[in-house]
Structure formats: structure tokens, C-alpha cells
Amino acid sequence: MKSPDPTREPQGNSPGGQAEPGERVRQTGQEAMESAKAEGRDRLERGKHSAADTVASTSEALDEAAASLSTQGQESLARATSVLADKLSGLANELESRSIDQLSRDATRLARDNPGLFVAGSVALGVALSRFLKASARHPSGSTQQYGGPAYGTEGAVPTHAAQSAGVSTPGNPGGQP
């Protein structure tokens, strides 16, 4: 029987109870993955709450619009607007009360059961988000738009072609000539 070599370290753990390099890499990788999952989940939760707040605000605005339409005698339009506001309010409540996992399962089930509806809804949502992001983009004061003048909504914002046809001077056309 051979006696163990005293210069050779035992396999599995190195002296002092520390893990081998391969084990340390695996543990570090798992910790990084868990950290990334937690960060992703936190971001999704914040996004979910932000979306719910936005939907709730839109619902409140539609309720106000419905009340205004009602006072103006537009009862059928007021009812339709009120119904839409109620649906949005329900959506906001659902977003707040459900977990990310539940929402993900629901979206997966919808995609599986109604693929056409899911694709159409995804396209509509993409268009709506695109328009929302474009509308909420901030333009620096005095930036020029399509017509070469100040940004719409800033002082002196008159499209160049409209100013020229009215004979108004613009920065690029001091005489106001067409």
C-alpha cells in the first residue's frame, strides 16, 4: 500500500477549505446571473408601475373629457369615452395587482391561443409607443423644424411657405417674397 504524497494537495478543496478555481468561477457566474435577474426584475417592476400610472392618468383624463362632453350635450360620445376610461382604469388595476410572472404567462397564453390578435396588438402597441415617444421628445428652444423656422410652439413659429404666401419676412427671406 502506497502512502499519500504529502506534497500533493487533495482533490476537491484546496487547503483552508477554499474552492478550486473552476468552482469559484462557477459560483461567481451564478452570483452574476442572480444579480442580473434581480436587476432585470426590478426594472420590469418599475416599468410595470410606470405603465400603470400612465394608464391611470389617461383614464382620469378621459373621465374629465367624458364629463365635459356630457355638459356639452354630446351624450353618446360621453358614454363611449366613459366606457373607455373605465376599461383603462381596469387595465391599470390589473397591471398593479399582477406580478411580472403572471403578466408574462398571460401574454404567452394570448400569443398561443390568438396569434393574429397578438401580432396585431403588438404592432398597435409599437405604433402607440413610437408616437408617444416622439410626442414627448424635448426640442431645444429655437431648434428648426421641417420648414426651417423656429420649432412649432416657440415665439415666431410660422412655417416658411405660409409666411411667404402671406408676404411676411422670415430669417431666410427678408422681403417676404415667394
N, C-alpha and C. Protein backbone atom coordinates (compact mmCIF):
# COMPACT_ATOMS: atom_id res chain seq x y z
N MET A 1 0.86 -1.18 0.00
CA MET A 1 0.00 0.00 0.00
C MET A 1 0.89 1.22 0.00
N LYS A 2 0.53 2.17 -0.85
CA LYS A 2 1.28 3.39 -1.01
C LYS A 2 0.79 4.44 -0.04
N SER A 3 1.67 5.16 0.55
CA SER A 3 1.24 6.26 1.41
C SER A 3 1.02 7.49 0.57
N PRO A 4 0.07 8.36 0.97
CA PRO A 4 -0.21 9.54 0.17
C PRO A 4 0.98 10.47 0.13
N ASP A 5 1.15 11.13 -1.00
CA ASP A 5 2.24 12.08 -1.19
C ASP A 5 1.94 13.35 -0.40
N PRO A 6 2.76 13.71 0.58
CA PRO A 6 2.46 14.87 1.41
C PRO A 6 2.58 16.19 0.65
N THR A 7 3.22 16.23 -0.50
CA THR A 7 3.36 17.48 -1.27
C THR A 7 2.17 17.71 -2.19
N ARG A 8 1.37 16.69 -2.36
CA ARG A 8 0.23 16.79 -3.27
C ARG A 8 -1.01 17.19 -2.49
N GLU A 9 -1.78 18.18 -3.03
CA GLU A 9 -2.99 18.65 -2.36
C GLU A 9 -4.14 17.70 -2.68
N PRO A 10 -5.05 17.51 -1.73
CA PRO A 10 -6.20 16.65 -2.00
C PRO A 10 -7.09 17.28 -3.07
N GLN A 11 -7.78 16.42 -3.81
CA GLN A 11 -8.68 16.91 -4.85
C GLN A 11 -9.96 17.40 -4.22
N GLY A 12 -10.65 18.30 -4.91
CA GLY A 12 -11.93 18.82 -4.42
C GLY A 12 -11.73 20.18 -3.82
N ASN A 13 -11.16 20.25 -2.65
CA ASN A 13 -10.94 21.53 -1.99
C ASN A 13 -9.45 21.71 -1.74
N SER A 14 -8.99 22.93 -1.85
CA SER A 14 -7.60 23.22 -1.56
C SER A 14 -7.46 23.44 -0.07
N PRO A 15 -6.24 23.53 0.45
CA PRO A 15 -6.07 23.72 1.88
C PRO A 15 -6.79 24.96 2.35
N GLY A 16 -7.29 24.91 3.55
CA GLY A 16 -8.01 26.05 4.11
C GLY A 16 -9.47 26.03 3.74
N GLY A 17 -9.97 25.01 3.06
CA GLY A 17 -11.39 24.89 2.74
C GLY A 17 -11.84 25.77 1.58
N GLN A 18 -10.92 26.31 0.80
CA GLN A 18 -11.32 27.15 -0.34
C GLN A 18 -11.60 26.29 -1.56
N ALA A 19 -12.52 26.76 -2.39
CA ALA A 19 -12.91 26.01 -3.57
C ALA A 19 -11.83 26.11 -4.63
N GLU A 20 -11.81 25.14 -5.51
CA GLU A 20 -10.88 25.16 -6.63
C GLU A 20 -11.25 26.29 -7.57
N PRO A 21 -10.32 26.70 -8.44
CA PRO A 21 -10.60 27.82 -9.35
C PRO A 21 -11.84 27.61 -10.21
N GLY A 22 -12.05 26.40 -10.71
CA GLY A 22 -13.23 26.12 -11.53
C GLY A 22 -14.52 26.31 -10.75
N GLU A 23 -14.51 25.90 -9.51
CA GLU A 23 -15.69 26.05 -8.66
C GLU A 23 -15.94 27.53 -8.35
N ARG A 24 -14.87 28.27 -8.12
CA ARG A 24 -15.01 29.72 -7.85
C ARG A 24 -15.60 30.43 -9.07
N VAL A 25 -15.16 30.06 -10.25
CA VAL A 25 -15.69 30.67 -11.48
C VAL A 25 -17.17 30.36 -11.62
N ARG A 26 -17.54 29.12 -11.33
CA ARG A 26 -18.95 28.72 -11.43
C ARG A 26 -19.79 29.51 -10.42
N GLN A 27 -19.32 29.63 -9.21
CA GLN A 27 -20.06 30.37 -8.19
C GLN A 27 -20.18 31.84 -8.56
N THR A 28 -19.10 32.42 -9.06
CA THR A 28 -19.13 33.82 -9.47
C THR A 28 -20.12 34.02 -10.61
N GLY A 29 -20.14 33.08 -11.55
CA GLY A 29 -21.08 33.16 -12.66
C GLY A 29 -22.52 33.07 -12.19
N GLN A 30 -22.78 32.18 -11.26
CA GLN A 30 -24.14 32.05 -10.72
C GLN A 30 -24.56 33.31 -9.98
N GLU A 31 -23.63 33.86 -9.20
CA GLU A 31 -23.94 35.10 -8.48
C GLU A 31 -24.23 36.24 -9.45
N ALA A 32 -23.44 36.33 -10.52
CA ALA A 32 -23.66 37.38 -11.52
C ALA A 32 -25.01 37.19 -12.20
N MET A 33 -25.36 35.95 -12.50
CA MET A 33 -26.65 35.69 -13.15
C MET A 33 -27.80 36.04 -12.23
N GLU A 34 -27.70 35.68 -10.96
CA GLU A 34 -28.75 36.01 -10.00
C GLU A 34 -28.88 37.53 -9.85
N SER A 35 -27.75 38.21 -9.81
CA SER A 35 -27.77 39.67 -9.70
C SER A 35 -28.43 40.30 -10.93
N ALA A 36 -28.09 39.79 -12.12
CA ALA A 36 -28.69 40.31 -13.35
C ALA A 36 -30.19 40.05 -13.38
N LYS A 37 -30.61 38.86 -12.93
CA LYS A 37 -32.04 38.55 -12.88
C LYS A 37 -32.77 39.51 -11.95
N ALA A 38 -32.17 39.74 -10.77
CA ALA A 38 -32.80 40.64 -9.80
C ALA A 38 -32.90 42.06 -10.36
N GLU A 39 -31.84 42.53 -11.02
CA GLU A 39 -31.86 43.86 -11.62
C GLU A 39 -32.91 43.94 -12.73
N GLY A 40 -32.98 42.91 -13.56
CA GLY A 40 -33.98 42.88 -14.63
C GLY A 40 -35.40 42.88 -14.07
N ARG A 41 -35.62 42.09 -13.04
CA ARG A 41 -36.94 42.04 -12.42
C ARG A 41 -37.31 43.39 -11.82
N ASP A 42 -36.33 44.05 -11.17
CA ASP A 42 -36.59 45.38 -10.60
C ASP A 42 -36.96 46.38 -11.69
N ARG A 43 -36.24 46.33 -12.80
CA ARG A 43 -36.55 47.24 -13.91
C ARG A 43 -37.94 46.97 -14.48
N LEU A 44 -38.27 45.70 -14.63
CA LEU A 44 -39.60 45.35 -15.14
C LEU A 44 -40.69 45.82 -14.18
N GLU A 45 -40.46 45.66 -12.90
CA GLU A 45 -41.44 46.11 -11.90
C GLU A 45 -41.62 47.63 -11.98
N ARG A 46 -40.52 48.37 -12.08
CA ARG A 46 -40.62 49.82 -12.19
C ARG A 46 -41.35 50.21 -13.47
N GLY A 47 -41.05 49.52 -14.57
CA GLY A 47 -41.74 49.79 -15.82
C GLY A 47 -43.22 49.47 -15.73
N LYS A 48 -43.54 48.39 -15.05
CA LYS A 48 -44.95 48.00 -14.87
C LYS A 48 -45.70 49.06 -14.09
N HIS A 49 -45.09 49.55 -13.00
CA HIS A 49 -45.73 50.58 -12.19
C HIS A 49 -45.86 51.89 -12.97
N SER A 50 -44.85 52.22 -13.75
CA SER A 50 -44.90 53.43 -14.57
C SER A 50 -46.01 53.33 -15.61
N ALA A 51 -46.12 52.17 -16.25
CA ALA A 51 -47.18 51.96 -17.24
C ALA A 51 -48.55 52.05 -16.58
N ALA A 52 -48.69 51.46 -15.41
CA ALA A 52 -49.97 51.50 -14.70
C ALA A 52 -50.33 52.94 -14.34
N ASP A 53 -49.34 53.72 -13.90
CA ASP A 53 -49.59 55.13 -13.58
C ASP A 53 -50.03 55.91 -14.81
N THR A 54 -49.36 55.66 -15.94
CA THR A 54 -49.70 56.35 -17.18
C THR A 54 -51.11 55.99 -17.64
N VAL A 55 -51.45 54.71 -17.56
CA VAL A 55 -52.79 54.27 -17.96
C VAL A 55 -53.84 54.88 -17.03
N ALA A 56 -53.54 54.93 -15.74
CA ALA A 56 -54.49 55.52 -14.78
C ALA A 56 -54.68 57.01 -15.06
N SER A 57 -53.60 57.71 -15.37
CA SER A 57 -53.70 59.15 -15.71
C SER A 57 -54.53 59.36 -16.97
N THR A 58 -54.32 58.50 -17.95
CA THR A 58 -55.09 58.60 -19.19
C THR A 58 -56.56 58.34 -18.90
N SER A 59 -56.84 57.38 -18.04
CA SER A 59 -58.22 57.08 -17.66
C SER A 59 -58.88 58.29 -17.00
N GLU A 60 -58.14 58.94 -16.09
CA GLU A 60 -58.68 60.13 -15.42
C GLU A 60 -58.95 61.26 -16.43
N ALA A 61 -58.04 61.44 -17.37
CA ALA A 61 -58.22 62.48 -18.39
C ALA A 61 -59.46 62.17 -19.25
N LEU A 62 -59.64 60.90 -19.58
CA LEU A 62 -60.83 60.52 -20.36
C LEU A 62 -62.11 60.72 -19.56
N ASP A 63 -62.07 60.46 -18.25
CA ASP A 63 -63.24 60.72 -17.40
C ASP A 63 -63.60 62.21 -17.43
N GLU A 64 -62.58 63.06 -17.34
CA GLU A 64 -62.82 64.50 -17.41
C GLU A 64 -63.38 64.90 -18.77
N ALA A 65 -62.85 64.31 -19.82
CA ALA A 65 -63.35 64.59 -21.17
C ALA A 65 -64.80 64.14 -21.31
N ALA A 66 -65.11 62.97 -20.72
CA ALA A 66 -66.49 62.48 -20.78
C ALA A 66 -67.44 63.43 -20.07
N ALA A 67 -67.02 63.94 -18.92
CA ALA A 67 -67.86 64.89 -18.18
C ALA A 67 -68.06 66.17 -18.99
N SER A 68 -67.00 66.63 -19.63
CA SER A 68 -67.10 67.83 -20.46
C SER A 68 -68.02 67.60 -21.66
N LEU A 69 -67.89 66.44 -22.30
CA LEU A 69 -68.76 66.12 -23.43
C LEU A 69 -70.21 66.04 -22.99
N SER A 70 -70.44 65.52 -21.82
CA SER A 70 -71.80 65.41 -21.31
C SER A 70 -72.43 66.79 -21.08
N THR A 71 -71.64 67.71 -20.53
CA THR A 71 -72.17 69.06 -20.30
C THR A 71 -72.41 69.80 -21.61
N GLN A 72 -71.73 69.37 -22.67
CA GLN A 72 -71.93 69.99 -23.99
C GLN A 72 -73.04 69.32 -24.78
N GLY A 73 -73.71 68.34 -24.19
CA GLY A 73 -74.82 67.69 -24.85
C GLY A 73 -74.42 66.54 -25.76
N GLN A 74 -73.19 66.11 -25.71
CA GLN A 74 -72.70 65.01 -26.56
C GLN A 74 -72.78 63.70 -25.76
N GLU A 75 -73.99 63.29 -25.43
CA GLU A 75 -74.19 62.15 -24.53
C GLU A 75 -73.63 60.84 -25.05
N SER A 76 -73.85 60.52 -26.32
CA SER A 76 -73.37 59.22 -26.83
C SER A 76 -71.84 59.19 -26.85
N LEU A 77 -71.21 60.28 -27.23
CA LEU A 77 -69.75 60.35 -27.22
C LEU A 77 -69.22 60.33 -25.78
N ALA A 78 -69.95 60.98 -24.87
CA ALA A 78 -69.56 60.99 -23.46
C ALA A 78 -69.62 59.58 -22.88
N ARG A 79 -70.67 58.81 -23.23
CA ARG A 79 -70.79 57.44 -22.73
C ARG A 79 -69.65 56.57 -23.27
N ALA A 80 -69.36 56.70 -24.56
CA ALA A 80 -68.27 55.91 -25.15
C ALA A 80 -66.93 56.26 -24.51
N THR A 81 -66.70 57.52 -24.27
CA THR A 81 -65.46 57.96 -23.63
C THR A 81 -65.39 57.45 -22.20
N SER A 82 -66.51 57.46 -21.51
CA SER A 82 -66.56 56.97 -20.14
C SER A 82 -66.29 55.46 -20.07
N VAL A 83 -66.84 54.72 -21.02
CA VAL A 83 -66.60 53.27 -21.08
C VAL A 83 -65.11 53.00 -21.32
N LEU A 84 -64.50 53.75 -22.23
CA LEU A 84 -63.08 53.60 -22.50
C LEU A 84 -62.26 53.93 -21.24
N ALA A 85 -62.65 54.97 -20.53
CA ALA A 85 -61.96 55.35 -19.29
C ALA A 85 -62.07 54.23 -18.26
N ASP A 86 -63.26 53.62 -18.16
CA ASP A 86 -63.44 52.51 -17.21
C ASP A 86 -62.56 51.31 -17.58
N LYS A 87 -62.47 51.01 -18.85
CA LYS A 87 -61.62 49.89 -19.30
C LYS A 87 -60.16 50.17 -18.98
N LEU A 88 -59.72 51.39 -19.23
CA LEU A 88 -58.33 51.75 -18.92
C LEU A 88 -58.07 51.71 -17.42
N SER A 89 -59.03 52.13 -16.64
CA SER A 89 -58.88 52.06 -15.19
C SER A 89 -58.73 50.61 -14.73
N GLY A 90 -59.52 49.73 -15.32
CA GLY A 90 -59.41 48.30 -15.00
C GLY A 90 -58.05 47.74 -15.40
N LEU A 91 -57.54 48.17 -16.56
CA LEU A 91 -56.22 47.74 -17.00
C LEU A 91 -55.15 48.21 -16.02
N ALA A 92 -55.24 49.44 -15.58
CA ALA A 92 -54.27 49.97 -14.61
C ALA A 92 -54.30 49.15 -13.32
N ASN A 93 -55.50 48.80 -12.86
CA ASN A 93 -55.62 47.98 -11.64
C ASN A 93 -55.03 46.59 -11.85
N GLU A 94 -55.26 46.00 -13.02
CA GLU A 94 -54.71 44.68 -13.32
C GLU A 94 -53.18 44.74 -13.34
N LEU A 95 -52.63 45.77 -13.96
CA LEU A 95 -51.17 45.89 -14.00
C LEU A 95 -50.59 46.00 -12.60
N GLU A 96 -51.22 46.77 -11.75
CA GLU A 96 -50.72 46.95 -10.39
C GLU A 96 -50.85 45.69 -9.56
N SER A 97 -51.92 44.93 -9.74
CA SER A 97 -52.18 43.80 -8.87
C SER A 97 -51.49 42.51 -9.30
N ARG A 98 -51.03 42.43 -10.53
CA ARG A 98 -50.44 41.18 -11.02
C ARG A 98 -48.93 41.26 -11.03
N SER A 99 -48.30 40.11 -10.85
CA SER A 99 -46.84 40.04 -10.86
C SER A 99 -46.35 39.99 -12.32
N ILE A 100 -45.06 40.24 -12.47
CA ILE A 100 -44.44 40.15 -13.79
C ILE A 100 -44.60 38.74 -14.35
N ASP A 101 -44.43 37.73 -13.50
CA ASP A 101 -44.58 36.34 -13.95
C ASP A 101 -45.99 36.07 -14.44
N GLN A 102 -47.00 36.58 -13.73
CA GLN A 102 -48.39 36.38 -14.16
C GLN A 102 -48.65 37.07 -15.50
N LEU A 103 -48.15 38.29 -15.63
CA LEU A 103 -48.35 39.02 -16.89
C LEU A 103 -47.66 38.31 -18.04
N SER A 104 -46.48 37.76 -17.79
CA SER A 104 -45.75 37.03 -18.82
C SER A 104 -46.51 35.77 -19.25
N ARG A 105 -47.04 35.04 -18.27
CA ARG A 105 -47.83 33.84 -18.60
C ARG A 105 -49.07 34.21 -19.40
N ASP A 106 -49.73 35.31 -19.03
CA ASP A 106 -50.92 35.73 -19.76
C ASP A 106 -50.58 36.10 -21.21
N ALA A 107 -49.47 36.81 -21.39
CA ALA A 107 -49.06 37.20 -22.74
C ALA A 107 -48.71 35.97 -23.57
N THR A 108 -48.04 35.00 -22.96
CA THR A 108 -47.69 33.76 -23.66
C THR A 108 -48.94 33.01 -24.07
N ARG A 109 -49.91 32.91 -23.15
CA ARG A 109 -51.16 32.21 -23.45
C ARG A 109 -51.92 32.92 -24.57
N LEU A 110 -51.96 34.26 -24.52
CA LEU A 110 -52.64 35.01 -25.58
C LEU A 110 -51.97 34.76 -26.93
N ALA A 111 -50.64 34.78 -26.95
CA ALA A 111 -49.92 34.56 -28.20
C ALA A 111 -50.19 33.16 -28.75
N ARG A 112 -50.28 32.18 -27.87
CA ARG A 112 -50.51 30.80 -28.30
C ARG A 112 -51.95 30.61 -28.78
N ASP A 113 -52.91 31.20 -28.05
CA ASP A 113 -54.32 31.00 -28.38
C ASP A 113 -54.79 31.86 -29.55
N ASN A 114 -54.26 33.07 -29.68
CA ASN A 114 -54.70 34.02 -30.71
C ASN A 114 -53.49 34.70 -31.35
N PRO A 115 -52.74 33.99 -32.18
CA PRO A 115 -51.51 34.60 -32.72
C PRO A 115 -51.77 35.85 -33.56
N GLY A 116 -52.84 35.87 -34.32
CA GLY A 116 -53.15 37.04 -35.14
C GLY A 116 -53.45 38.26 -34.29
N LEU A 117 -54.25 38.05 -33.26
CA LEU A 117 -54.59 39.13 -32.34
C LEU A 117 -53.34 39.63 -31.62
N PHE A 118 -52.48 38.70 -31.23
CA PHE A 118 -51.25 39.07 -30.53
C PHE A 118 -50.35 39.92 -31.43
N VAL A 119 -50.18 39.52 -32.68
CA VAL A 119 -49.34 40.29 -33.61
C VAL A 119 -49.95 41.66 -33.86
N ALA A 120 -51.26 41.70 -34.10
CA ALA A 120 -51.92 42.99 -34.33
C ALA A 120 -51.79 43.90 -33.11
N GLY A 121 -51.98 43.33 -31.93
CA GLY A 121 -51.83 44.12 -30.70
C GLY A 121 -50.41 44.61 -30.52
N SER A 122 -49.44 43.77 -30.85
CA SER A 122 -48.03 44.17 -30.73
C SER A 122 -47.71 45.31 -31.68
N VAL A 123 -48.22 45.24 -32.90
CA VAL A 123 -48.00 46.32 -33.87
C VAL A 123 -48.66 47.61 -33.38
N ALA A 124 -49.90 47.49 -32.91
CA ALA A 124 -50.60 48.68 -32.42
C ALA A 124 -49.87 49.29 -31.22
N LEU A 125 -49.40 48.44 -30.32
CA LEU A 125 -48.66 48.93 -29.17
C LEU A 125 -47.36 49.60 -29.60
N GLY A 126 -46.67 49.02 -30.56
CA GLY A 126 -45.44 49.62 -31.07
C GLY A 126 -45.68 50.98 -31.69
N VAL A 127 -46.74 51.10 -32.48
CA VAL A 127 -47.07 52.38 -33.10
C VAL A 127 -47.42 53.41 -32.02
N ALA A 128 -48.22 53.00 -31.05
CA ALA A 128 -48.62 53.91 -29.97
C ALA A 128 -47.40 54.37 -29.17
N LEU A 129 -46.51 53.44 -28.83
CA LEU A 129 -45.31 53.82 -28.09
C LEU A 129 -44.42 54.74 -28.90
N SER A 130 -44.30 54.46 -30.18
CA SER A 130 -43.49 55.30 -31.06
C SER A 130 -44.03 56.73 -31.10
N ARG A 131 -45.33 56.86 -31.27
CA ARG A 131 -45.95 58.19 -31.30
C ARG A 131 -45.81 58.89 -29.96
N PHE A 132 -45.96 58.14 -28.87
CA PHE A 132 -45.83 58.72 -27.54
C PHE A 132 -44.40 59.23 -27.33
N LEU A 133 -43.42 58.42 -27.70
CA LEU A 133 -42.03 58.83 -27.51
C LEU A 133 -41.67 60.02 -28.39
N LYS A 134 -42.19 60.05 -29.62
CA LYS A 134 -41.94 61.20 -30.48
C LYS A 134 -42.57 62.46 -29.90
N ALA A 135 -43.79 62.33 -29.40
CA ALA A 135 -44.50 63.49 -28.87
C ALA A 135 -43.87 64.00 -27.58
N SER A 136 -43.27 63.11 -26.80
CA SER A 136 -42.70 63.55 -25.54
C SER A 136 -41.24 63.95 -25.65
N ALA A 137 -40.66 63.84 -26.85
CA ALA A 137 -39.27 64.26 -27.04
C ALA A 137 -39.18 65.77 -26.88
N ARG A 138 -38.15 66.20 -26.19
CA ARG A 138 -37.96 67.63 -25.95
C ARG A 138 -37.09 68.22 -27.05
N HIS A 139 -37.55 69.33 -27.63
CA HIS A 139 -36.77 70.04 -28.62
C HIS A 139 -36.15 71.25 -27.96
N PRO A 140 -34.84 71.49 -28.19
CA PRO A 140 -34.23 72.67 -27.59
C PRO A 140 -34.87 73.94 -28.14
N SER A 141 -34.93 74.96 -27.32
CA SER A 141 -35.54 76.23 -27.73
C SER A 141 -34.84 76.76 -28.97
N GLY A 142 -35.62 77.16 -29.92
CA GLY A 142 -35.07 77.74 -31.15
C GLY A 142 -34.63 76.72 -32.16
N SER A 143 -34.88 75.44 -31.94
CA SER A 143 -34.46 74.45 -32.94
C SER A 143 -35.33 74.59 -34.17
N THR A 144 -34.80 74.20 -35.28
CA THR A 144 -35.54 74.34 -36.53
C THR A 144 -36.23 73.04 -36.86
N GLN A 145 -37.36 73.16 -37.50
CA GLN A 145 -38.14 72.01 -37.89
C GLN A 145 -38.14 71.91 -39.41
N GLN A 146 -39.09 71.20 -39.95
CA GLN A 146 -39.17 70.92 -41.37
C GLN A 146 -39.16 72.19 -42.22
N TYR A 147 -39.76 73.27 -41.76
CA TYR A 147 -39.90 74.45 -42.58
C TYR A 147 -38.74 75.43 -42.42
N GLY A 148 -37.76 75.13 -41.61
CA GLY A 148 -36.59 75.97 -41.50
C GLY A 148 -36.74 77.11 -40.51
N GLY A 149 -37.85 77.22 -39.83
CA GLY A 149 -38.05 78.28 -38.86
C GLY A 149 -37.94 77.74 -37.45
N PRO A 150 -38.29 78.56 -36.47
CA PRO A 150 -38.25 78.10 -35.09
C PRO A 150 -39.21 76.93 -34.88
N ALA A 151 -38.95 76.15 -33.86
CA ALA A 151 -39.79 74.99 -33.56
C ALA A 151 -41.22 75.44 -33.29
N TYR A 152 -42.18 74.64 -33.72
CA TYR A 152 -43.59 74.95 -33.50
C TYR A 152 -43.82 75.13 -32.01
N GLY A 153 -44.54 76.17 -31.66
CA GLY A 153 -44.82 76.43 -30.26
C GLY A 153 -43.85 77.42 -29.65
N THR A 154 -42.80 77.78 -30.40
CA THR A 154 -41.88 78.79 -29.90
C THR A 154 -42.23 80.12 -30.55
N GLU A 155 -41.75 81.19 -29.98
CA GLU A 155 -42.07 82.51 -30.49
C GLU A 155 -41.61 82.64 -31.94
N GLY A 156 -42.47 83.16 -32.77
CA GLY A 156 -42.13 83.38 -34.17
C GLY A 156 -42.23 82.13 -35.02
N ALA A 157 -42.92 81.10 -34.55
CA ALA A 157 -43.00 79.86 -35.30
C ALA A 157 -44.06 79.97 -36.38
N VAL A 158 -43.63 80.26 -37.59
CA VAL A 158 -44.53 80.31 -38.74
C VAL A 158 -43.86 79.52 -39.84
N PRO A 159 -44.53 78.52 -40.40
CA PRO A 159 -43.90 77.78 -41.49
C PRO A 159 -43.50 78.73 -42.60
N THR A 160 -42.32 78.51 -43.17
CA THR A 160 -41.76 79.41 -44.17
C THR A 160 -42.70 79.57 -45.36
N HIS A 161 -43.28 78.48 -45.87
CA HIS A 161 -44.14 78.59 -47.04
C HIS A 161 -45.39 79.42 -46.73
N ALA A 162 -45.93 79.30 -45.51
CA ALA A 162 -47.10 80.08 -45.15
C ALA A 162 -46.73 81.56 -45.02
N ALA A 163 -45.58 81.85 -44.45
CA ALA A 163 -45.13 83.22 -44.30
C ALA A 163 -44.88 83.86 -45.66
N GLN A 164 -44.29 83.09 -46.57
CA GLN A 164 -44.01 83.64 -47.90
C GLN A 164 -45.29 83.95 -48.65
N SER A 165 -46.27 83.05 -48.58
CA SER A 165 -47.51 83.29 -49.31
C SER A 165 -48.27 84.47 -48.72
N ALA A 166 -48.02 84.77 -47.44
CA ALA A 166 -48.68 85.93 -46.82
C ALA A 166 -47.84 87.19 -46.94
N GLY A 167 -46.62 87.06 -47.54
CA GLY A 167 -45.76 88.22 -47.72
C GLY A 167 -45.06 88.64 -46.44
N VAL A 168 -44.88 87.70 -45.50
CA VAL A 168 -44.23 88.01 -44.23
C VAL A 168 -42.74 87.70 -44.34
N SER A 169 -41.91 88.55 -43.76
CA SER A 169 -40.47 88.31 -43.76
C SER A 169 -40.12 87.15 -42.86
N THR A 170 -39.17 86.34 -43.29
CA THR A 170 -38.65 85.25 -42.47
C THR A 170 -37.13 85.37 -42.46
N PRO A 171 -36.44 84.67 -41.54
CA PRO A 171 -34.99 84.80 -41.49
C PRO A 171 -34.31 84.49 -42.82
N GLY A 172 -34.79 83.55 -43.57
CA GLY A 172 -34.17 83.20 -44.84
C GLY A 172 -34.71 84.02 -46.01
N ASN A 173 -35.75 84.83 -45.78
CA ASN A 173 -36.39 85.57 -46.84
C ASN A 173 -36.82 86.93 -46.30
N PRO A 174 -35.89 87.88 -46.16
CA PRO A 174 -36.20 89.16 -45.51
C PRO A 174 -37.31 89.96 -46.17
N GLY A 175 -37.48 89.83 -47.43
CA GLY A 175 -38.50 90.62 -48.12
C GLY A 175 -39.87 89.98 -48.12
N GLY A 176 -39.95 88.72 -47.73
CA GLY A 176 -41.23 88.02 -47.74
C GLY A 176 -41.68 87.65 -49.13
N GLN A 177 -40.74 87.58 -50.08
CA GLN A 177 -41.09 87.24 -51.46
C GLN A 177 -41.25 85.74 -51.62
N PRO A 178 -42.24 85.30 -52.42
CA PRO A 178 -42.45 83.86 -52.64
C PRO A 178 -41.32 83.23 -53.46
